[in-house]
Structures are given as C-alpha cells and as structure tokens.
Amino acid sequence: MGDHHINDNGKHVRDIDARLRKLADAFGDAGSSDDFDELFLIIHRPGFTTPQQLAMMFSLIEATERSLNTALQLRGAIVEGARVIDETSALAV
C-alpha cells in the first residue's frame, strides 16, 4: 500500500472528531435520561401489566440490551481500529 494522504486541510479529521464527539455524548446521555425515572415509577404501580404486556416489555428490554451490547462492541472496535491505524502510521514514519 502506498502513501495516499487526504489533502483537505484537516477537514476529514474535523469530521471524524465531530462525529465521535456526538457518539460520546450519545453514550453518556443514554443512561441519564429522565425516561428511566418515569419507567421506574410506572412499573411499580399496581396492575401494571397483563401477561401479554409483560411479554412485550421483556421483548423490548431484551432488544434494547442487545442493541446496547452491540453499540458497546462497536465502540471498542472503533477504538481498537484507531489504535492499529495509529501504530501502523507510527511505523511508516
């Protein structure tokens, strides 16, 4: 592979930086929502769910857990990929 550097006055780095900051904010905001406070109140009310509603809630929670786990794995892949790129770039210098 040859050296093919992007010459756009660092725009690509600024774009990556902006998108990573949005991702970091989203990860930080994911657990700090008032929605969870409301959910904790709702689920403790008498007669909250029928068996069908309970099944739906568990399905939604499981799907959300899987999505979060996938997001965490992808975040790790982004970090690891950046480390590999950084190491490879350092060796090429």
PDB file of N, CA and C in Angstrom:
ATOM      1  N   MET A   1       0.829  -1.171   0.000  1.00  0.00           N
ATOM      2  CA  MET A   1       0.000   0.000   0.000  1.00  0.00           C
ATOM      3  C   MET A   1       0.879   1.241   0.000  1.00  0.00           C
ATOM      4  N   GLY A   2       0.548   2.182  -0.841  1.00  0.00           N
ATOM      5  CA  GLY A   2       1.310   3.408  -0.899  1.00  0.00           C
ATOM      6  C   GLY A   2       0.753   4.442   0.056  1.00  0.00           C
ATOM      7  N   ASP A   3       1.494   5.530   0.155  1.00  0.00           N
ATOM      8  CA  ASP A   3       1.029   6.638   0.984  1.00  0.00           C
ATOM      9  C   ASP A   3       0.063   7.482   0.182  1.00  0.00           C
ATOM     10  N   HIS A   4      -1.171   7.451   0.553  1.00  0.00           N
ATOM     11  CA  HIS A   4      -2.200   8.264  -0.083  1.00  0.00           C
ATOM     12  C   HIS A   4      -2.889   9.083   0.996  1.00  0.00           C
ATOM     13  N   HIS A   5      -2.298  10.215   1.324  1.00  0.00           N
ATOM     14  CA  HIS A   5      -2.847  11.057   2.377  1.00  0.00           C
ATOM     15  C   HIS A   5      -3.918  11.969   1.803  1.00  0.00           C
ATOM     16  N   ILE A   6      -4.933  12.201   2.593  1.00  0.00           N
ATOM     17  CA  ILE A   6      -6.010  13.093   2.190  1.00  0.00           C
ATOM     18  C   ILE A   6      -5.549  14.520   2.438  1.00  0.00           C
ATOM     19  N   ASN A   7      -5.601  15.316   1.397  1.00  0.00           N
ATOM     20  CA  ASN A   7      -5.162  16.704   1.494  1.00  0.00           C
ATOM     21  C   ASN A   7      -6.385  17.613   1.425  1.00  0.00           C
ATOM     22  N   ASP A   8      -7.041  17.781   2.571  1.00  0.00           N
ATOM     23  CA  ASP A   8      -8.228  18.639   2.628  1.00  0.00           C
ATOM     24  C   ASP A   8      -8.139  19.604   3.806  1.00  0.00           C
ATOM     25  N   ASN A   9      -6.898  19.966   4.152  1.00  0.00           N
ATOM     26  CA  ASN A   9      -6.641  20.888   5.269  1.00  0.00           C
ATOM     27  C   ASN A   9      -7.242  20.393   6.577  1.00  0.00           C
ATOM     28  N   GLY A  10      -7.252  19.096   6.768  1.00  0.00           N
ATOM     29  CA  GLY A  10      -7.714  18.503   8.028  1.00  0.00           C
ATOM     30  C   GLY A  10      -9.213  18.384   8.172  1.00  0.00           C
ATOM     31  N   LYS A  11      -9.973  18.637   7.096  1.00  0.00           N
ATOM     32  CA  LYS A  11     -11.443  18.546   7.181  1.00  0.00           C
ATOM     33  C   LYS A  11     -11.875  17.150   7.601  1.00  0.00           C
ATOM     34  N   HIS A  12     -11.241  16.128   7.050  1.00  0.00           N
ATOM     35  CA  HIS A  12     -11.630  14.753   7.389  1.00  0.00           C
ATOM     36  C   HIS A  12     -11.420  14.473   8.873  1.00  0.00           C
ATOM     37  N   VAL A  13     -10.360  15.023   9.452  1.00  0.00           N
ATOM     38  CA  VAL A  13     -10.110  14.824  10.885  1.00  0.00           C
ATOM     39  C   VAL A  13     -11.165  15.568  11.699  1.00  0.00           C
ATOM     40  N   ARG A  14     -11.503  16.785  11.285  1.00  0.00           N
ATOM     41  CA  ARG A  14     -12.557  17.533  11.980  1.00  0.00           C
ATOM     42  C   ARG A  14     -13.891  16.810  11.883  1.00  0.00           C
ATOM     43  N   ASP A  15     -14.189  16.219  10.724  1.00  0.00           N
ATOM     44  CA  ASP A  15     -15.437  15.464  10.554  1.00  0.00           C
ATOM     45  C   ASP A  15     -15.477  14.246  11.473  1.00  0.00           C
ATOM     46  N   ILE A  16     -14.367  13.501  11.522  1.00  0.00           N
ATOM     47  CA  ILE A  16     -14.296  12.332  12.410  1.00  0.00           C
ATOM     48  C   ILE A  16     -14.436  12.788  13.857  1.00  0.00           C
ATOM     49  N   ASP A  17     -13.742  13.843  14.216  1.00  0.00           N
ATOM     50  CA  ASP A  17     -13.804  14.365  15.579  1.00  0.00           C
ATOM     51  C   ASP A  17     -15.242  14.729  15.957  1.00  0.00           C
ATOM     52  N   ALA A  18     -15.922  15.452  15.079  1.00  0.00           N
ATOM     53  CA  ALA A  18     -17.303  15.879  15.368  1.00  0.00           C
ATOM     54  C   ALA A  18     -18.229  14.684  15.546  1.00  0.00           C
ATOM     55  N   ARG A  19     -18.089  13.703  14.684  1.00  0.00           N
ATOM     56  CA  ARG A  19     -18.960  12.526  14.767  1.00  0.00           C
ATOM     57  C   ARG A  19     -18.653  11.703  16.013  1.00  0.00           C
ATOM     58  N   LEU A  20     -17.367  11.563  16.363  1.00  0.00           N
ATOM     59  CA  LEU A  20     -17.012  10.828  17.581  1.00  0.00           C
ATOM     60  C   LEU A  20     -17.510  11.555  18.827  1.00  0.00           C
ATOM     61  N   ARG A  21     -17.469  12.875  18.814  1.00  0.00           N
ATOM     62  CA  ARG A  21     -17.986  13.636  19.963  1.00  0.00           C
ATOM     63  C   ARG A  21     -19.492  13.430  20.118  1.00  0.00           C
ATOM     64  N   LYS A  22     -20.204  13.379  18.992  1.00  0.00           N
ATOM     65  CA  LYS A  22     -21.648  13.108  19.050  1.00  0.00           C
ATOM     66  C   LYS A  22     -21.904  11.715  19.606  1.00  0.00           C
ATOM     67  N   LEU A  23     -21.094  10.738  19.164  1.00  0.00           N
ATOM     68  CA  LEU A  23     -21.236   9.380  19.697  1.00  0.00           C
ATOM     69  C   LEU A  23     -20.953   9.360  21.194  1.00  0.00           C
ATOM     70  N   ALA A  24     -19.896  10.022  21.615  1.00  0.00           N
ATOM     71  CA  ALA A  24     -19.549  10.056  23.037  1.00  0.00           C
ATOM     72  C   ALA A  24     -20.680  10.690  23.842  1.00  0.00           C
ATOM     73  N   ASP A  25     -21.240  11.759  23.329  1.00  0.00           N
ATOM     74  CA  ASP A  25     -22.367  12.395  24.011  1.00  0.00           C
ATOM     75  C   ASP A  25     -23.560  11.452  24.094  1.00  0.00           C
ATOM     76  N   ALA A  26     -23.820  10.721  23.007  1.00  0.00           N
ATOM     77  CA  ALA A  26     -24.950   9.791  22.989  1.00  0.00           C
ATOM     78  C   ALA A  26     -24.745   8.669  23.997  1.00  0.00           C
ATOM     79  N   PHE A  27     -23.516   8.147  24.100  1.00  0.00           N
ATOM     80  CA  PHE A  27     -23.241   7.112  25.091  1.00  0.00           C
ATOM     81  C   PHE A  27     -23.437   7.664  26.497  1.00  0.00           C
ATOM     82  N   GLY A  28     -22.986   8.876  26.734  1.00  0.00           N
ATOM     83  CA  GLY A  28     -23.132   9.487  28.045  1.00  0.00           C
ATOM     84  C   GLY A  28     -24.578   9.779  28.395  1.00  0.00           C
ATOM     85  N   ASP A  29     -25.344  10.176  27.395  1.00  0.00           N
ATOM     86  CA  ASP A  29     -26.737  10.546  27.616  1.00  0.00           C
ATOM     87  C   ASP A  29     -27.652   9.329  27.701  1.00  0.00           C
ATOM     88  N   ALA A  30     -27.207   8.204  27.210  1.00  0.00           N
ATOM     89  CA  ALA A  30     -28.067   7.021  27.120  1.00  0.00           C
ATOM     90  C   ALA A  30     -28.632   6.594  28.469  1.00  0.00           C
ATOM     91  N   GLY A  31     -27.854   6.711  29.524  1.00  0.00           N
ATOM     92  CA  GLY A  31     -28.324   6.269  30.828  1.00  0.00           C
ATOM     93  C   GLY A  31     -28.785   7.391  31.737  1.00  0.00           C
ATOM     94  N   SER A  32     -28.680   8.619  31.278  1.00  0.00           N
ATOM     95  CA  SER A  32     -29.006   9.726  32.164  1.00  0.00           C
ATOM     96  C   SER A  32     -30.364  10.342  31.857  1.00  0.00           C
ATOM     97  N   SER A  33     -31.189   9.619  31.177  1.00  0.00           N
ATOM     98  CA  SER A  33     -32.474  10.145  30.755  1.00  0.00           C
ATOM     99  C   SER A  33     -33.501  10.103  31.878  1.00  0.00           C
ATOM    100  N   ASP A  34     -34.351  11.118  31.896  1.00  0.00           N
ATOM    101  CA  ASP A  34     -35.473  11.126  32.840  1.00  0.00           C
ATOM    102  C   ASP A  34     -36.482  10.036  32.506  1.00  0.00           C
ATOM    103  N   ASP A  35     -36.389   9.485  31.303  1.00  0.00           N
ATOM    104  CA  ASP A  35     -37.287   8.403  30.905  1.00  0.00           C
ATOM    105  C   ASP A  35     -37.197   7.230  31.881  1.00  0.00           C
ATOM    106  N   PHE A  36     -35.982   6.929  32.340  1.00  0.00           N
ATOM    107  CA  PHE A  36     -35.830   5.808  33.268  1.00  0.00           C
ATOM    108  C   PHE A  36     -36.500   6.106  34.598  1.00  0.00           C
ATOM    109  N   ASP A  37     -36.388   7.342  35.052  1.00  0.00           N
ATOM    110  CA  ASP A  37     -37.071   7.709  36.298  1.00  0.00           C
ATOM    111  C   ASP A  37     -38.570   7.475  36.163  1.00  0.00           C
ATOM    112  N   GLU A  38     -39.119   7.872  35.040  1.00  0.00           N
ATOM    113  CA  GLU A  38     -40.554   7.660  34.799  1.00  0.00           C
ATOM    114  C   GLU A  38     -40.887   6.177  34.722  1.00  0.00           C
ATOM    115  N   LEU A  39     -40.044   5.408  34.029  1.00  0.00           N
ATOM    116  CA  LEU A  39     -40.279   3.958  33.916  1.00  0.00           C
ATOM    117  C   LEU A  39     -40.301   3.286  35.283  1.00  0.00           C
ATOM    118  N   PHE A  40     -39.361   3.663  36.148  1.00  0.00           N
ATOM    119  CA  PHE A  40     -39.310   3.049  37.473  1.00  0.00           C
ATOM    120  C   PHE A  40     -40.573   3.339  38.274  1.00  0.00           C
ATOM    121  N   LEU A  41     -41.142   4.506  38.079  1.00  0.00           N
ATOM    122  CA  LEU A  41     -42.409   4.818  38.751  1.00  0.00           C
ATOM    123  C   LEU A  41     -43.556   3.996  38.167  1.00  0.00           C
ATOM    124  N   ILE A  42     -43.618   3.932  36.847  1.00  0.00           N
ATOM    125  CA  ILE A  42     -44.720   3.243  36.170  1.00  0.00           C
ATOM    126  C   ILE A  42     -44.756   1.763  36.508  1.00  0.00           C
ATOM    127  N   ILE A  43     -43.613   1.097  36.454  1.00  0.00           N
ATOM    128  CA  ILE A  43     -43.614  -0.371  36.610  1.00  0.00           C
ATOM    129  C   ILE A  43     -44.008  -0.816  38.011  1.00  0.00           C
ATOM    130  N   HIS A  44     -43.914   0.069  38.984  1.00  0.00           N
ATOM    131  CA  HIS A  44     -44.265  -0.301  40.354  1.00  0.00           C
ATOM    132  C   HIS A  44     -45.725  -0.007  40.702  1.00  0.00           C
ATOM    133  N   ARG A  45     -46.454   0.510  39.752  1.00  0.00           N
ATOM    134  CA  ARG A  45     -47.870   0.772  40.017  1.00  0.00           C
ATOM    135  C   ARG A  45     -48.648  -0.538  40.000  1.00  0.00           C
ATOM    136  N   PRO A  46     -49.623  -0.688  40.879  1.00  0.00           N
ATOM    137  CA  PRO A  46     -50.426  -1.923  40.919  1.00  0.00           C
ATOM    138  C   PRO A  46     -51.112  -2.173  39.568  1.00  0.00           C
ATOM    139  N   GLY A  47     -51.104  -3.428  39.150  1.00  0.00           N
ATOM    140  CA  GLY A  47     -51.775  -3.828  37.917  1.00  0.00           C
ATOM    141  C   GLY A  47     -51.104  -3.331  36.660  1.00  0.00           C
ATOM    142  N   PHE A  48     -49.799  -3.077  36.719  1.00  0.00           N
ATOM    143  CA  PHE A  48     -49.082  -2.508  35.585  1.00  0.00           C
ATOM    144  C   PHE A  48     -49.234  -3.324  34.317  1.00  0.00           C
ATOM    145  N   THR A  49     -49.125  -4.637  34.409  1.00  0.00           N
ATOM    146  CA  THR A  49     -49.109  -5.415  33.165  1.00  0.00           C
ATOM    147  C   THR A  49     -49.975  -6.657  33.234  1.00  0.00           C
ATOM    148  N   THR A  50     -50.464  -7.000  32.066  1.00  0.00           N
ATOM    149  CA  THR A  50     -51.080  -8.302  31.861  1.00  0.00           C
ATOM    150  C   THR A  50     -49.951  -9.233  31.415  1.00  0.00           C
ATOM    151  N   PRO A  51     -50.195 -10.538  31.349  1.00  0.00           N
ATOM    152  CA  PRO A  51     -49.145 -11.436  30.860  1.00  0.00           C
ATOM    153  C   PRO A  51     -48.659 -11.061  29.447  1.00  0.00           C
ATOM    154  N   GLN A  52     -49.557 -10.620  28.578  1.00  0.00           N
ATOM    155  CA  GLN A  52     -49.166 -10.234  27.225  1.00  0.00           C
ATOM    156  C   GLN A  52     -48.297  -8.968  27.237  1.00  0.00           C
ATOM    157  N   GLN A  53     -48.691  -8.017  28.069  1.00  0.00           N
ATOM    158  CA  GLN A  53     -47.911  -6.785  28.168  1.00  0.00           C
ATOM    159  C   GLN A  53     -46.537  -7.054  28.775  1.00  0.00           C
ATOM    160  N   LEU A  54     -46.497  -7.964  29.744  1.00  0.00           N
ATOM    161  CA  LEU A  54     -45.227  -8.343  30.349  1.00  0.00           C
ATOM    162  C   LEU A  54     -44.300  -8.954  29.301  1.00  0.00           C
ATOM    163  N   ALA A  55     -44.850  -9.833  28.464  1.00  0.00           N
ATOM    164  CA  ALA A  55     -44.050 -10.446  27.399  1.00  0.00           C
ATOM    165  C   ALA A  55     -43.513  -9.374  26.447  1.00  0.00           C
ATOM    166  N   MET A  56     -44.363  -8.387  26.115  1.00  0.00           N
ATOM    167  CA  MET A  56     -43.924  -7.317  25.228  1.00  0.00           C
ATOM    168  C   MET A  56     -42.818  -6.501  25.889  1.00  0.00           C
ATOM    169  N   MET A  57     -42.976  -6.157  27.166  1.00  0.00           N
ATOM    170  CA  MET A  57     -41.956  -5.371  27.869  1.00  0.00           C
ATOM    171  C   MET A  57     -40.626  -6.107  27.908  1.00  0.00           C
ATOM    172  N   PHE A  58     -40.669  -7.404  28.239  1.00  0.00           N
ATOM    173  CA  PHE A  58     -39.427  -8.171  28.270  1.00  0.00           C
ATOM    174  C   PHE A  58     -38.777  -8.225  26.889  1.00  0.00           C
ATOM    175  N   SER A  59     -39.576  -8.366  25.838  1.00  0.00           N
ATOM    176  CA  SER A  59     -39.032  -8.384  24.480  1.00  0.00           C
ATOM    177  C   SER A  59     -38.356  -7.065  24.140  1.00  0.00           C
ATOM    178  N   LEU A  60     -39.002  -5.963  24.498  1.00  0.00           N
ATOM    179  CA  LEU A  60     -38.416  -4.647  24.226  1.00  0.00           C
ATOM    180  C   LEU A  60     -37.135  -4.427  25.028  1.00  0.00           C
ATOM    181  N   ILE A  61     -37.153  -4.846  26.290  1.00  0.00           N
ATOM    182  CA  ILE A  61     -35.959  -4.700  27.121  1.00  0.00           C
ATOM    183  C   ILE A  61     -34.820  -5.546  26.561  1.00  0.00           C
ATOM    184  N   GLU A  62     -35.101  -6.790  26.180  1.00  0.00           N
ATOM    185  CA  GLU A  62     -34.063  -7.663  25.626  1.00  0.00           C
ATOM    186  C   GLU A  62     -33.498  -7.098  24.324  1.00  0.00           C
ATOM    187  N   ALA A  63     -34.355  -6.564  23.464  1.00  0.00           N
ATOM    188  CA  ALA A  63     -33.890  -5.973  22.208  1.00  0.00           C
ATOM    189  C   ALA A  63     -33.001  -4.756  22.486  1.00  0.00           C
ATOM    190  N   THR A  64     -33.387  -3.963  23.480  1.00  0.00           N
ATOM    191  CA  THR A  64     -32.593  -2.791  23.847  1.00  0.00           C
ATOM    192  C   THR A  64     -31.247  -3.210  24.430  1.00  0.00           C
ATOM    193  N   GLU A  65     -31.245  -4.248  25.266  1.00  0.00           N
ATOM    194  CA  GLU A  65     -29.986  -4.759  25.826  1.00  0.00           C
ATOM    195  C   GLU A  65     -29.055  -5.243  24.721  1.00  0.00           C
ATOM    196  N   ARG A  66     -29.603  -5.966  23.752  1.00  0.00           N
ATOM    197  CA  ARG A  66     -28.778  -6.449  22.630  1.00  0.00           C
ATOM    198  C   ARG A  66     -28.214  -5.273  21.829  1.00  0.00           C
ATOM    199  N   SER A  67     -29.045  -4.278  21.582  1.00  0.00           N
ATOM    200  CA  SER A  67     -28.584  -3.111  20.827  1.00  0.00           C
ATOM    201  C   SER A  67     -27.477  -2.377  21.577  1.00  0.00           C
ATOM    202  N   LEU A  68     -27.647  -2.242  22.886  1.00  0.00           N
ATOM    203  CA  LEU A  68     -26.623  -1.570  23.691  1.00  0.00           C
ATOM    204  C   LEU A  68     -25.324  -2.364  23.678  1.00  0.00           C
ATOM    205  N   ASN A  69     -25.417  -3.679  23.840  1.00  0.00           N
ATOM    206  CA  ASN A  69     -24.211  -4.515  23.796  1.00  0.00           C
ATOM    207  C   ASN A  69     -23.510  -4.392  22.448  1.00  0.00           C
ATOM    208  N   THR A  70     -24.288  -4.378  21.377  1.00  0.00           N
ATOM    209  CA  THR A  70     -23.708  -4.210  20.044  1.00  0.00           C
ATOM    210  C   THR A  70     -23.025  -2.852  19.928  1.00  0.00           C
ATOM    211  N   ALA A  71     -23.680  -1.802  20.431  1.00  0.00           N
ATOM    212  CA  ALA A  71     -23.097  -0.460  20.391  1.00  0.00           C
ATOM    213  C   ALA A  71     -21.785  -0.411  21.179  1.00  0.00           C
ATOM    214  N   LEU A  72     -21.744  -1.067  22.332  1.00  0.00           N
ATOM    215  CA  LEU A  72     -20.516  -1.094  23.127  1.00  0.00           C
ATOM    216  C   LEU A  72     -19.407  -1.849  22.407  1.00  0.00           C
ATOM    217  N   GLN A  73     -19.749  -2.950  21.746  1.00  0.00           N
ATOM    218  CA  GLN A  73     -18.759  -3.699  20.973  1.00  0.00           C
ATOM    219  C   GLN A  73     -18.237  -2.872  19.806  1.00  0.00           C
ATOM    220  N   LEU A  74     -19.134  -2.151  19.145  1.00  0.00           N
ATOM    221  CA  LEU A  74     -18.716  -1.301  18.034  1.00  0.00           C
ATOM    222  C   LEU A  74     -17.822  -0.166  18.512  1.00  0.00           C
ATOM    223  N   ARG A  75     -18.145   0.399  19.676  1.00  0.00           N
ATOM    224  CA  ARG A  75     -17.283   1.451  20.239  1.00  0.00           C
ATOM    225  C   ARG A  75     -15.883   0.900  20.475  1.00  0.00           C
ATOM    226  N   GLY A  76     -15.794  -0.305  21.016  1.00  0.00           N
ATOM    227  CA  GLY A  76     -14.495  -0.936  21.226  1.00  0.00           C
ATOM    228  C   GLY A  76     -13.761  -1.170  19.917  1.00  0.00           C
ATOM    229  N   ALA A  77     -14.496  -1.553  18.880  1.00  0.00           N
ATOM    230  CA  ALA A  77     -13.882  -1.776  17.570  1.00  0.00           C
ATOM    231  C   ALA A  77     -13.348  -0.469  16.983  1.00  0.00           C
ATOM    232  N   ILE A  78     -14.074   0.625  17.184  1.00  0.00           N
ATOM    233  CA  ILE A  78     -13.598   1.924  16.705  1.00  0.00           C
ATOM    234  C   ILE A  78     -12.280   2.282  17.392  1.00  0.00           C
ATOM    235  N   VAL A  79     -12.230   2.107  18.704  1.00  0.00           N
ATOM    236  CA  VAL A  79     -11.021   2.435  19.456  1.00  0.00           C
ATOM    237  C   VAL A  79      -9.865   1.537  19.020  1.00  0.00           C
ATOM    238  N   GLU A  80     -10.125   0.246  18.937  1.00  0.00           N
ATOM    239  CA  GLU A  80      -9.063  -0.688  18.538  1.00  0.00           C
ATOM    240  C   GLU A  80      -8.590  -0.399  17.117  1.00  0.00           C
ATOM    241  N   GLY A  81      -9.519  -0.118  16.221  1.00  0.00           N
ATOM    242  CA  GLY A  81      -9.141   0.218  14.848  1.00  0.00           C
ATOM    243  C   GLY A  81      -8.289   1.467  14.788  1.00  0.00           C
ATOM    244  N   ALA A  82      -8.636   2.483  15.567  1.00  0.00           N
ATOM    245  CA  ALA A  82      -7.846   3.710  15.602  1.00  0.00           C
ATOM    246  C   ALA A  82      -6.450   3.441  16.156  1.00  0.00           C
ATOM    247  N   ARG A  83      -6.362   2.574  17.164  1.00  0.00           N
ATOM    248  CA  ARG A  83      -5.042   2.224  17.724  1.00  0.00           C
ATOM    249  C   ARG A  83      -4.167   1.539  16.685  1.00  0.00           C
ATOM    250  N   VAL A  84      -4.749   0.611  15.939  1.00  0.00           N
ATOM    251  CA  VAL A  84      -3.996  -0.107  14.907  1.00  0.00           C
ATOM    252  C   VAL A  84      -3.525   0.866  13.831  1.00  0.00           C
ATOM    253  N   ILE A  85      -4.420   1.769  13.410  1.00  0.00           N
ATOM    254  CA  ILE A  85      -4.045   2.770  12.415  1.00  0.00           C
ATOM    255  C   ILE A  85      -2.916   3.639  12.945  1.00  0.00           C
ATOM    256  N   ASP A  86      -3.017   4.057  14.192  1.00  0.00           N
ATOM    257  CA  ASP A  86      -2.007   4.902  14.803  1.00  0.00           C
ATOM    258  C   ASP A  86      -0.646   4.188  14.858  1.00  0.00           C
ATOM    259  N   GLU A  87      -0.657   2.921  15.281  1.00  0.00           N
ATOM    260  CA  GLU A  87       0.581   2.141  15.347  1.00  0.00           C
ATOM    261  C   GLU A  87       1.192   1.950  13.965  1.00  0.00           C
ATOM    262  N   THR A  88       0.334   1.656  12.982  1.00  0.00           N
ATOM    263  CA  THR A  88       0.811   1.449  11.612  1.00  0.00           C
ATOM    264  C   THR A  88       1.385   2.748  11.053  1.00  0.00           C
ATOM    265  N   SER A  89       0.719   3.860  11.346  1.00  0.00           N
ATOM    266  CA  SER A  89       1.203   5.167  10.878  1.00  0.00           C
ATOM    267  C   SER A  89       2.538   5.512  11.513  1.00  0.00           C
ATOM    268  N   ALA A  90       2.700   5.196  12.794  1.00  0.00           N
ATOM    269  CA  ALA A  90       3.950   5.496  13.502  1.00  0.00           C
ATOM    270  C   ALA A  90       5.104   4.683  12.927  1.00  0.00           C
ATOM    271  N   LEU A  91       4.826   3.450  12.532  1.00  0.00           N
ATOM    272  CA  LEU A  91       5.875   2.595  11.962  1.00  0.00           C
ATOM    273  C   LEU A  91       6.305   3.075  10.580  1.00  0.00           C
ATOM    274  N   ALA A  92       5.366   3.703   9.855  1.00  0.00           N
ATOM    275  CA  ALA A  92       5.651   4.147   8.492  1.00  0.00           C
ATOM    276  C   ALA A  92       6.493   5.421   8.471  1.00  0.00           C
ATOM    277  N   VAL A  93       6.558   6.112   9.591  1.00  0.00           N
ATOM    278  CA  VAL A  93       7.283   7.391   9.627  1.00  0.00           C
ATOM    279  C   VAL A  93       8.751   7.177   9.770  1.00  0.00           C
TER     280      VAL A  93
END
